[in-house]
């Protein structure tokens, strides 16, 4: 276990009989508990009588006296090893006095080989002589008492640079201060100094400064300091790293600012303390990143291709191709993959008896169907006398579609002109269809009562007229279907031809 600070309990300065302080949070068996307390009073020229909590042993050299006029203050430091049954708090028994206290719990340390220095003074800076621990990883405790209240005290600083202290207790209602730090190597700390009040004015109050070292209970693994090799050539960097008993590893990256072969960065950074044999990752420069290669030139135009069959036309010659033959075939297949438009049909109407109109409705009917059905259903709202108005019958078989006309070449101009003519013809056909549907509505103008009261001969005549109009509509729809199919076929041919001409 690595030596480390665990937690601390602190008590404010005040008048009391007996001083009780809580056990630090998280205290565990094997921790070292360090109790520092102050007993003070007027004209207290000798240390007051007191009794330590059970198990605590007073460190040699204590108490340490610091006076403030006629006020006398005695600082004590005692330790113990924590057990698995520590009480919730600890009490120092004494008479009516003023007191203050700190209790620090440290883990991974032992009282064996512990050292301390104690100093008192009356100037503006508290100073404790340095210590040299016996082994690596020792934990240092700084405990200070000053007759001026803390709350603004600066963190202690070791002249040797290490350990680096972390403040643990610095309350404005306390006369005591605590800080801790870990010394990675068994090196001398040098004197440790602190400004108790962190102010610019001179301070002549008396103070006590205590520096304690607690050795690590388990010797930490040997360590070394990582050399800073950023900016060095790779060979020099690797030599410095192996010289520090570390292992170099390198990767490469482009850099516009670091010359090729020099180190761009390293992990861990220079100055870090790591275990012997640790890996140091280096990133080595490849120099500026080269520009990307230019794109390959476009392929030259290919030869003419004679297609045996293209959109139903035999022996079509396509000029100026810029693709391979298989790519051309894939493009043509994609262009003609769209299915042809649905075949427009009209229901076939027959007269099967008085008041019954039969129409084949088994297949969907295109745009003419809603108009025709609206005309029928809008006039006769219900079957006369319960008879069926519309009766579904199987549709007539579709005639075989004629093969598309053959053409040896694709000529865009005639295709576009014919397309315009087809559109005009379709527009005229739609106008004629609307007129015929009007006639159908007029033929069905008889109300249900008139149809019921009319004789059979009159009903047959009306239905015959409806059948004639429906047959005319079916013929017109067939003509429109032929024009739609021809128009769709030519539009697809024109689009594909346009694409091929653009690519050529």
Protein backbone atom coordinates (compact mmCIF):
# COMPACT_ATOMS: atom_id res chain seq x y z
CA UNK A 1 0.00 0.00 0.00
CA UNK A 2 1.28 3.47 -0.89
CA UNK A 3 1.77 5.94 1.97
CA UNK A 4 -0.97 8.57 1.82
CA UNK A 5 -3.09 11.01 3.81
CA UNK A 6 -6.51 9.54 4.59
CA UNK A 7 -8.52 12.21 6.48
CA UNK A 8 -8.45 14.74 9.31
CA UNK A 9 -10.64 15.99 12.16
CA UNK A 10 -10.25 19.58 13.45
CA UNK A 11 -11.47 21.44 16.53
CA UNK A 12 -11.84 25.20 16.88
CA UNK A 13 -9.98 27.19 19.56
CA UNK A 14 -11.99 27.86 22.72
CA UNK A 15 -12.25 27.60 26.51
CA UNK A 16 -13.23 24.14 27.75
CA UNK A 17 -12.64 21.48 30.38
CA UNK A 18 -11.34 18.39 28.56
CA UNK A 19 -10.80 18.38 24.77
CA UNK A 20 -12.76 15.87 22.68
CA UNK A 21 -12.14 15.35 18.96
CA UNK A 22 -13.88 12.97 16.52
CA UNK A 23 -12.21 10.02 14.82
CA UNK A 24 -11.19 10.97 11.24
CA UNK A 25 -13.57 9.67 8.59
CA UNK A 26 -12.65 6.31 7.07
CA UNK A 27 -10.04 5.40 9.69
CA UNK A 28 -9.06 1.75 9.19
CA UNK A 29 -7.07 -0.84 11.05
CA UNK A 30 -3.34 -0.27 10.54
CA UNK A 31 -3.64 3.51 10.00
CA UNK A 32 -1.43 5.82 12.06
CA UNK A 33 -3.36 8.43 14.09
CA UNK A 34 -1.39 11.61 14.87
CA UNK A 35 -2.95 13.89 17.52
CA UNK A 36 -1.73 17.46 17.88
CA UNK A 37 -3.36 19.67 20.51
CA UNK A 38 -2.79 23.02 22.24
CA UNK A 39 -3.41 23.72 25.96
CA UNK A 40 -3.21 27.40 26.90
CA UNK A 41 -3.94 29.81 29.75
CA UNK A 42 -2.90 33.04 31.46
CA UNK A 43 0.35 32.83 33.46
CA UNK A 44 0.51 29.10 32.75
CA UNK A 45 4.24 28.99 33.42
CA UNK A 46 4.45 25.19 33.47
CA UNK A 47 2.76 22.50 31.35
CA UNK A 48 -0.73 21.79 32.68
CA UNK A 49 -1.69 18.37 33.96
CA UNK A 50 -3.51 16.24 31.39
CA UNK A 51 -4.18 12.64 30.36
CA UNK A 52 -3.86 11.38 26.77
CA UNK A 53 -6.55 9.21 25.15
CA UNK A 54 -5.97 5.47 25.51
CA UNK A 55 -3.26 4.11 23.21
CA UNK A 56 -1.66 7.46 22.26
CA UNK A 57 2.06 7.93 23.03
CA UNK A 58 3.51 11.44 23.37
CA UNK A 59 6.36 12.15 21.00
CA UNK A 60 9.69 13.12 22.58
CA UNK A 61 10.46 16.81 22.78
CA UNK A 62 6.93 17.88 23.65
CA UNK A 63 5.30 20.01 24.83
CA UNK A 64 6.64 23.02 22.95
CA UNK A 65 5.91 26.43 24.49
CA UNK A 66 4.89 29.55 22.57
CA UNK A 67 3.86 32.65 24.54
CA UNK A 68 1.84 35.72 23.62
CA UNK A 69 2.36 38.36 26.32
CA UNK A 70 1.08 36.80 29.53
CA UNK A 71 -0.63 33.95 27.67
CA UNK A 72 1.16 30.60 27.58
CA UNK A 73 0.44 27.90 24.96
CA UNK A 74 1.80 24.34 25.02
CA UNK A 75 1.74 22.21 21.84
CA UNK A 76 1.67 18.40 22.12
CA UNK A 77 1.97 15.67 19.45
CA UNK A 78 1.12 12.00 20.12
CA UNK A 79 0.60 8.95 17.88
CA UNK A 80 -0.96 5.49 17.89
CA UNK A 81 -1.62 2.59 15.51
CA UNK A 82 -5.34 2.29 14.77
CA UNK A 83 -7.06 -0.99 15.60
CA UNK A 84 -10.24 -2.53 14.20
CA UNK A 85 -12.25 -1.20 17.19
CA UNK A 86 -11.43 2.50 17.43
CA UNK A 87 -13.90 4.70 19.38
CA UNK A 88 -15.99 7.39 17.69
CA UNK A 89 -13.98 10.16 19.40
CA UNK A 90 -10.98 10.76 21.66
CA UNK A 91 -10.72 12.95 24.80
CA UNK A 92 -7.72 14.65 26.37
CA UNK A 93 -8.53 15.09 30.07
CA UNK A 94 -7.49 18.45 31.61
CA UNK A 95 -8.81 21.24 33.79
CA UNK A 96 -10.49 24.48 32.68
CA UNK A 97 -8.21 25.80 29.91
CA UNK A 98 -8.30 27.13 26.37
CA UNK A 99 -7.55 24.41 23.80
CA UNK A 100 -7.39 23.51 20.13
CA UNK A 101 -6.77 20.14 18.39
CA UNK A 102 -6.15 18.28 15.10
CA UNK A 103 -6.28 14.50 14.50
CA UNK A 104 -4.76 13.13 11.26
CA UNK A 105 -5.27 9.58 9.90
CA UNK A 106 -2.50 8.29 7.57
CA UNK A 107 -2.58 5.03 5.59
CA UNK A 108 0.25 2.83 4.32
CA UNK A 109 2.75 4.15 6.92
CA UNK A 110 4.47 2.88 10.04
CA UNK A 111 5.71 4.56 13.21
CA UNK A 112 8.94 2.58 12.89
CA UNK A 113 11.74 4.96 11.87
CA UNK A 114 9.57 8.06 12.25
CA UNK A 115 11.42 11.39 12.54
CA UNK A 116 10.49 14.91 13.56
CA UNK A 117 11.81 18.42 13.90
CA UNK A 118 10.30 21.09 16.18
CA UNK A 119 10.94 24.82 16.13
CA UNK A 120 9.49 27.91 17.80
CA UNK A 121 9.95 31.57 16.97
CA UNK A 122 8.46 35.03 16.98
CA UNK A 123 9.01 36.51 13.52
CA UNK A 124 6.71 36.64 10.48
CA UNK A 125 7.69 33.23 9.04
CA UNK A 126 7.39 29.78 10.64
CA UNK A 127 10.39 27.56 9.80
CA UNK A 128 11.04 23.89 10.62
CA UNK A 129 14.41 22.22 9.91
CA UNK A 130 14.35 19.64 7.09
CA UNK A 131 14.40 15.86 7.29
CA UNK A 132 15.83 13.03 5.17
CA UNK A 133 13.58 9.94 5.18
CA UNK A 134 15.07 6.48 5.28
CA UNK A 135 13.24 5.21 2.19
CA UNK A 136 11.19 6.21 -0.82
CA UNK A 137 7.54 7.22 -0.54
CA UNK A 138 7.58 8.67 3.01
CA UNK A 139 4.59 10.76 4.15
CA UNK A 140 5.37 14.16 5.72
CA UNK A 141 3.08 15.98 8.17
CA UNK A 142 3.37 19.71 8.90
CA UNK A 143 1.61 20.90 12.06
CA UNK A 144 1.76 24.58 13.01
CA UNK A 145 0.51 26.70 15.92
CA UNK A 146 0.43 30.49 15.86
CA UNK A 147 -1.14 32.94 18.27
CA UNK A 148 -2.62 34.84 15.33
CA UNK A 149 -5.70 33.05 13.99
CA UNK A 150 -5.24 31.07 10.79
CA UNK A 151 -7.64 31.15 7.84
CA UNK A 152 -5.24 32.86 5.44
CA UNK A 153 -2.11 30.82 6.10
CA UNK A 154 0.05 30.02 3.06
CA UNK A 155 0.86 26.38 2.21
CA UNK A 156 4.29 25.31 3.54
CA UNK A 157 7.13 25.07 1.01
CA UNK A 158 10.15 22.74 1.20
CA UNK A 159 13.45 24.35 0.21
CA UNK A 160 14.47 21.12 -1.54
CA UNK A 161 11.42 21.28 -3.80
CA UNK A 162 9.81 18.13 -2.40
CA UNK A 163 7.58 17.05 -0.91
CA UNK A 164 4.87 19.27 -2.34
CA UNK A 165 2.49 19.97 0.53
CA UNK A 166 -1.32 19.98 0.35
CA UNK A 167 -3.27 22.03 2.90
CA UNK A 168 -5.47 19.90 5.21
CA UNK A 169 -6.64 22.30 7.99
CA UNK A 170 -6.67 26.10 7.86
CA UNK A 171 -9.76 27.34 9.74
CA UNK A 172 -10.24 31.01 10.63
CA UNK A 173 -11.51 29.99 14.10
CA UNK A 174 -8.45 27.89 14.86
CA UNK A 175 -4.89 28.54 16.06
CA UNK A 176 -3.62 25.30 14.41
CA UNK A 177 -2.73 24.42 10.81
CA UNK A 178 -1.96 21.10 9.04
CA UNK A 179 -0.57 20.05 5.65
CA UNK A 180 0.74 16.77 4.18
CA UNK A 181 2.96 15.67 1.30
CA UNK A 182 4.64 12.50 -0.04
CA UNK A 183 8.38 12.39 -0.74
CA UNK A 184 8.85 10.10 -3.77
CA UNK A 185 12.55 9.49 -3.11
CA UNK A 186 14.71 9.30 -0.01
CA UNK A 187 16.02 12.85 -0.52
CA UNK A 188 16.44 15.70 1.96
CA UNK A 189 13.52 18.11 2.14
CA UNK A 190 15.54 21.14 3.20
CA UNK A 191 13.96 23.63 5.59
CA UNK A 192 10.19 23.91 5.38
CA UNK A 193 8.75 27.42 5.77
CA UNK A 194 5.28 28.93 6.06
CA UNK A 195 3.77 32.37 6.40
CA UNK A 196 1.07 31.67 9.02
CA UNK A 197 -0.91 34.81 8.18
CA UNK A 198 -0.02 35.33 4.51
CA UNK A 199 0.05 39.10 4.98
CA UNK A 200 2.48 41.87 4.18
CA UNK A 201 2.77 43.33 7.68
CA UNK A 202 5.34 42.12 10.20
CA UNK A 203 4.05 39.57 12.74
CA UNK A 204 5.91 39.02 16.02
CA UNK A 205 3.46 36.54 17.58
CA UNK A 206 5.08 33.35 18.80
CA UNK A 207 4.62 30.18 16.83
CA UNK A 208 5.46 26.47 16.89
CA UNK A 209 6.31 24.48 13.73
CA UNK A 210 6.46 20.66 13.69
CA UNK A 211 7.67 18.52 10.73
CA UNK A 212 7.11 14.74 10.98
CA UNK A 213 8.11 11.95 8.58
CA UNK A 214 6.25 8.62 8.53
CA UNK A 215 7.99 5.86 6.58
CA UNK A 216 6.01 3.77 4.07
CA UNK A 217 4.98 0.44 5.59
CA UNK A 218 5.83 -1.30 2.28
CA UNK A 219 8.78 -0.19 0.21
CA UNK A 220 7.43 1.30 -3.05
CA UNK A 221 8.90 0.06 -6.32
CA UNK A 222 12.02 1.91 -7.48
CA UNK A 223 11.31 4.98 -9.57
CA UNK A 224 13.09 7.28 -11.95
CA UNK A 225 12.46 10.65 -13.58
CA UNK A 226 11.43 10.67 -17.24
CA UNK A 227 13.88 12.76 -19.34
CA UNK A 228 12.45 15.49 -21.58
CA UNK A 229 13.31 14.44 -25.16
CA UNK A 230 10.87 16.57 -27.18
CA UNK A 231 12.76 18.19 -30.08
CA UNK A 232 15.62 15.69 -30.01
CA UNK A 233 16.51 13.39 -32.87
CA UNK A 234 15.06 9.91 -32.41
CA UNK A 235 18.44 8.25 -31.75
CA UNK A 236 19.35 10.80 -29.06
CA UNK A 237 15.90 10.55 -27.49
CA UNK A 238 16.05 6.75 -27.28
CA UNK A 239 19.52 6.91 -25.74
CA UNK A 240 18.32 9.33 -23.04
CA UNK A 241 15.30 7.17 -22.23
CA UNK A 242 17.22 3.89 -22.00
CA UNK A 243 19.83 5.71 -19.87
CA UNK A 244 17.06 6.42 -17.34
CA UNK A 245 16.19 2.68 -17.19
CA UNK A 246 13.05 3.23 -19.26
CA UNK A 247 11.85 1.65 -22.51
CA UNK A 248 11.26 3.86 -25.60
CA UNK A 249 8.55 3.16 -28.17
CA UNK A 250 7.90 5.35 -31.19
CA UNK A 251 5.28 6.05 -33.83
CA UNK A 252 5.41 8.46 -36.76
CA UNK A 253 3.26 11.40 -37.79
CA UNK A 254 3.45 14.29 -40.25
CA UNK A 255 4.39 17.72 -38.86
CA UNK A 256 4.72 21.08 -40.55
CA UNK A 257 6.82 22.54 -37.71
CA UNK A 258 9.07 19.72 -36.44
CA UNK A 259 11.87 18.51 -38.75
CA UNK A 260 11.70 14.93 -39.98
CA UNK A 261 13.29 12.49 -37.52
CA UNK A 262 12.80 14.69 -34.42
CA UNK A 263 10.45 13.94 -31.51
CA UNK A 264 7.11 15.79 -31.65
CA UNK A 265 5.73 14.68 -28.27
CA UNK A 266 6.19 12.12 -25.50
CA UNK A 267 4.05 10.32 -22.89
CA UNK A 268 4.76 10.51 -19.95
CA UNK A 269 6.05 14.07 -20.18
CA UNK A 270 9.54 15.00 -19.12
CA UNK A 271 9.96 15.33 -15.35
CA UNK A 272 7.32 12.74 -14.44
CA UNK A 273 8.25 10.14 -11.81
CA UNK A 274 7.59 6.58 -13.01
CA UNK A 275 8.66 3.05 -12.13
CA UNK A 276 11.84 1.62 -13.58
CA UNK A 277 11.25 -0.14 -16.90
CA UNK A 278 8.17 1.92 -17.74
CA UNK A 279 7.30 2.57 -21.38
CA UNK A 280 7.80 6.06 -22.86
CA UNK A 281 5.80 6.63 -26.05
CA UNK A 282 7.39 8.96 -28.62
CA UNK A 283 5.81 10.54 -31.69
CA UNK A 284 8.47 11.17 -34.35
CA UNK A 285 8.05 13.65 -37.21
CA UNK A 286 7.86 12.56 -40.85
CA UNK A 287 8.15 16.19 -41.94
CA UNK A 288 5.41 18.07 -43.81
CA UNK A 289 2.60 15.97 -45.22
CA UNK A 290 3.02 15.55 -49.01
CA UNK A 291 0.25 16.85 -51.29
CA UNK A 292 -2.26 14.26 -52.52
CA UNK A 293 -1.52 12.69 -55.94
CA UNK A 294 -3.36 14.23 -58.94
CA UNK A 295 -6.46 12.40 -60.13
CA UNK A 296 -5.98 10.02 -63.08
CA UNK A 297 -6.81 11.47 -66.54
CA UNK A 298 -10.19 10.58 -68.02
CA UNK A 299 -10.18 7.61 -70.43
CA UNK A 300 -10.18 8.45 -74.15
CA UNK A 301 -13.44 8.10 -76.09
CA UNK A 302 -14.09 4.52 -77.05
CA UNK A 303 -15.01 3.18 -80.48
CA UNK A 304 -18.51 3.12 -81.90
CA UNK A 305 -20.63 0.25 -80.62
CA UNK A 306 -23.21 -1.53 -82.73
CA UNK A 307 -26.04 -2.74 -80.50
CA UNK A 308 -27.94 -5.74 -82.00
CA UNK A 309 -31.06 -4.59 -80.13
CA UNK A 310 -31.71 -1.29 -78.32
CA UNK A 311 -35.15 -0.38 -76.91
CA UNK A 312 -36.78 -2.68 -79.40
CA UNK A 313 -34.87 -1.27 -82.41
CA UNK A 314 -32.46 -3.65 -84.24
CA UNK A 315 -28.84 -2.79 -85.17
CA UNK A 316 -28.55 0.64 -83.49
CA UNK A 317 -25.09 2.26 -83.75
CA UNK A 318 -24.10 4.38 -80.70
CA UNK A 319 -21.25 6.82 -81.31
CA UNK A 320 -18.63 8.48 -79.09
CA UNK A 321 -18.87 6.17 -76.08
CA UNK A 322 -16.59 6.95 -73.07
CA UNK A 323 -17.30 3.83 -71.02
CA UNK A 324 -16.49 0.16 -71.19
CA UNK A 325 -19.04 -2.00 -72.92
CA UNK A 326 -20.29 -3.66 -69.71
CA UNK A 327 -20.77 -0.23 -68.05
CA UNK A 328 -22.82 0.92 -71.07
CA UNK A 329 -25.06 -2.12 -70.81
CA UNK A 330 -25.55 -1.51 -67.07
CA UNK A 331 -26.55 2.13 -67.73
CA UNK A 332 -29.06 1.09 -70.40
CA UNK A 333 -30.57 -1.59 -68.15
CA UNK A 334 -30.93 0.93 -65.32
CA UNK A 335 -32.63 3.42 -67.64
CA UNK A 336 -35.23 0.94 -68.90
CA UNK A 337 -35.75 -0.80 -65.52
CA UNK A 338 -38.74 1.39 -64.68
CA UNK A 339 -41.88 -0.66 -65.40
CA UNK A 340 -44.24 0.62 -68.13
CA UNK A 341 -47.36 2.49 -67.03
CA UNK A 342 -50.43 0.45 -66.07
CA UNK A 343 -52.57 -0.58 -68.99
CA UNK A 344 -55.73 1.62 -69.08
CA UNK A 345 -59.00 -0.34 -69.35
CA UNK A 346 -62.72 0.41 -69.19
CA UNK A 347 -65.37 -1.91 -67.82
CA UNK A 348 -67.41 -3.78 -70.40
CA UNK A 349 -71.16 -3.05 -70.07
CA UNK A 350 -73.88 -5.54 -71.01
CA UNK A 351 -77.65 -5.67 -70.46
CA UNK A 352 -78.68 -8.86 -68.72
CA UNK A 353 -82.31 -8.03 -67.92
CA UNK A 354 -84.73 -5.30 -66.93
CA UNK A 355 -83.16 -2.84 -64.49
CA UNK A 356 -79.78 -4.67 -64.43
CA UNK A 357 -76.57 -3.22 -65.88
CA UNK A 358 -73.58 -5.56 -65.74
CA UNK A 359 -70.02 -4.20 -65.86
CA UNK A 360 -66.70 -6.01 -65.44
CA UNK A 361 -65.10 -4.40 -62.38
CA UNK A 362 -62.53 -7.07 -61.52
CA UNK A 363 -59.59 -4.84 -62.52
CA UNK A 364 -58.81 -1.22 -61.56
CA UNK A 365 -59.95 1.34 -64.08
CA UNK A 366 -57.82 4.44 -64.81
CA UNK A 367 -58.93 8.06 -64.87
CA UNK A 368 -62.16 7.38 -66.80
CA UNK A 369 -63.52 4.93 -64.20
CA UNK A 370 -64.42 7.46 -61.45
CA UNK A 371 -66.27 9.61 -63.98
CA UNK A 372 -68.27 6.71 -65.37
CA UNK A 373 -69.17 5.25 -61.96
CA UNK A 374 -70.10 8.70 -60.62
CA UNK A 375 -72.45 9.11 -63.57
CA UNK A 376 -74.20 5.78 -62.89
CA UNK A 377 -74.29 5.84 -59.10
CA UNK A 378 -75.14 9.53 -58.94
CA UNK A 379 -78.33 9.00 -60.91
CA UNK A 380 -79.66 5.67 -59.63
CA UNK A 381 -79.19 5.76 -55.85
CA UNK A 382 -80.54 2.23 -55.16
CA UNK A 383 -81.42 -0.88 -57.20
CA UNK A 384 -85.05 -0.87 -58.26
CA UNK A 385 -87.11 -3.33 -56.29
CA UNK A 386 -84.05 -4.96 -54.74
CA UNK A 387 -82.42 -5.89 -58.05
CA UNK A 388 -78.62 -5.48 -58.38
CA UNK A 389 -77.64 -2.32 -60.22
CA UNK A 390 -73.99 -3.34 -60.83
CA UNK A 391 -73.00 -6.95 -61.12
CA UNK A 392 -69.32 -7.94 -61.31
CA UNK A 393 -68.44 -10.33 -64.12
CA UNK A 394 -65.07 -11.72 -65.15
CA UNK A 395 -63.20 -9.31 -67.43
CA UNK A 396 -62.76 -10.10 -71.08
CA UNK A 397 -59.31 -11.46 -71.99
CA UNK A 398 -56.87 -8.78 -73.05
CA UNK A 399 -55.78 -8.75 -76.68
CA UNK A 400 -52.13 -9.41 -77.29
CA UNK A 401 -50.10 -6.23 -77.56
CA UNK A 402 -48.61 -5.58 -81.00
CA UNK A 403 -44.80 -5.60 -81.08
CA UNK A 404 -43.16 -2.15 -81.00
CA UNK A 405 -42.27 -0.74 -84.39
CA UNK A 406 -38.70 -1.23 -85.47
CA UNK A 407 -36.38 1.60 -86.34
CA UNK A 408 -32.72 1.47 -87.30
CA UNK A 409 -31.62 4.66 -85.56
CA UNK A 410 -32.70 7.13 -82.88
CA UNK A 411 -33.69 10.54 -84.24
CA UNK A 412 -34.50 12.96 -81.42
CA UNK A 413 -36.22 15.66 -83.50
CA UNK A 414 -39.02 13.46 -84.90
CA UNK A 415 -39.52 11.88 -81.48
CA UNK A 416 -40.03 15.25 -79.83
CA UNK A 417 -42.40 16.45 -82.57
CA UNK A 418 -44.47 13.28 -82.38
CA UNK A 419 -44.60 13.56 -78.62
CA UNK A 420 -46.10 17.05 -78.89
CA UNK A 421 -48.73 15.77 -81.36
CA UNK A 422 -49.61 12.90 -79.02
CA UNK A 423 -50.12 15.28 -76.12
CA UNK A 424 -52.51 17.40 -78.24
CA UNK A 425 -54.40 14.28 -79.29
CA UNK A 426 -54.71 13.08 -75.70
CA UNK A 427 -56.06 16.50 -74.68
CA UNK A 428 -58.70 16.36 -77.42
CA UNK A 429 -59.60 12.78 -76.46
CA UNK A 430 -60.17 13.83 -72.85
CA UNK A 431 -62.54 16.60 -74.03
CA UNK A 432 -64.51 14.11 -76.16
CA UNK A 433 -64.64 11.72 -73.21
CA UNK A 434 -66.12 14.40 -70.97
CA UNK A 435 -68.80 15.10 -73.60
CA UNK A 436 -69.69 11.43 -73.86
CA UNK A 437 -69.93 11.12 -70.09
CA UNK A 438 -72.37 14.04 -70.17
CA UNK A 439 -74.43 12.12 -72.65
CA UNK A 440 -74.30 9.09 -70.38
CA UNK A 441 -75.63 11.15 -67.48
CA UNK A 442 -78.47 12.46 -69.66
CA UNK A 443 -79.32 8.91 -70.72
CA UNK A 444 -79.53 7.90 -67.07
CA UNK A 445 -81.63 10.91 -66.03
CA UNK A 446 -84.63 8.81 -65.29
CA UNK A 447 -85.39 8.64 -61.61
CA UNK A 448 -85.84 5.33 -59.83
CA UNK A 449 -89.63 5.69 -59.87
CA UNK A 450 -89.65 6.32 -63.65
CA UNK A 451 -87.46 3.27 -64.23
CA UNK A 452 -89.79 1.20 -62.07
CA UNK A 453 -92.97 2.42 -63.74
CA UNK A 454 -91.60 2.21 -67.30
CA UNK A 455 -92.29 -0.80 -69.35
CA UNK A 456 -89.74 -3.47 -70.12
CA UNK A 457 -89.33 -2.23 -73.71
CA UNK A 458 -88.51 1.29 -72.55
CA UNK A 459 -85.97 -0.04 -69.96
CA UNK A 460 -84.26 -2.15 -72.60
CA UNK A 461 -84.02 0.86 -74.92
CA UNK A 462 -82.41 3.01 -72.21
CA UNK A 463 -79.94 0.29 -71.29
CA UNK A 464 -79.08 -0.24 -74.95
CA UNK A 465 -78.24 3.47 -75.24
CA UNK A 466 -76.05 3.20 -72.13
CA UNK A 467 -74.30 0.17 -73.63
CA UNK A 468 -73.60 2.04 -76.87
CA UNK A 469 -72.06 4.99 -74.97
CA UNK A 470 -69.98 2.63 -72.79
CA UNK A 471 -68.73 0.81 -75.90
CA UNK A 472 -67.73 4.14 -77.48
CA UNK A 473 -65.85 5.04 -74.28
CA UNK A 474 -64.09 1.66 -74.31
CA UNK A 475 -62.98 2.23 -77.91
CA UNK A 476 -61.72 5.69 -77.08
CA UNK A 477 -59.87 4.32 -74.04
CA UNK A 478 -58.19 1.67 -76.21
CA UNK A 479 -57.03 4.39 -78.59
CA UNK A 480 -55.78 6.46 -75.69
CA UNK A 481 -53.94 3.42 -74.30
CA UNK A 482 -52.13 2.86 -77.61
CA UNK A 483 -51.11 6.52 -77.73
CA UNK A 484 -49.98 6.46 -74.06
CA UNK A 485 -47.85 3.38 -74.61
CA UNK A 486 -46.28 4.82 -77.75
CA UNK A 487 -45.66 8.14 -75.98
CA UNK A 488 -44.07 6.45 -72.95
CA UNK A 489 -41.85 4.28 -75.17
CA UNK A 490 -40.62 7.28 -77.17
CA UNK A 491 -40.03 9.38 -74.06
CA UNK A 492 -37.84 6.65 -72.59
CA UNK A 493 -35.95 6.27 -75.85
CA UNK A 494 -35.43 10.03 -76.06
CA UNK A 495 -34.16 10.25 -72.46
CA UNK A 496 -31.65 7.44 -72.91
CA UNK A 497 -30.50 8.82 -76.24
CA UNK A 498 -30.01 12.25 -74.66
CA UNK A 499 -27.90 10.75 -71.87
CA UNK A 500 -25.71 8.84 -74.36
CA UNK A 501 -25.24 11.99 -76.48
CA UNK A 502 -24.20 13.97 -73.37
CA UNK A 503 -21.64 11.33 -72.44
CA UNK A 504 -20.20 11.17 -75.92
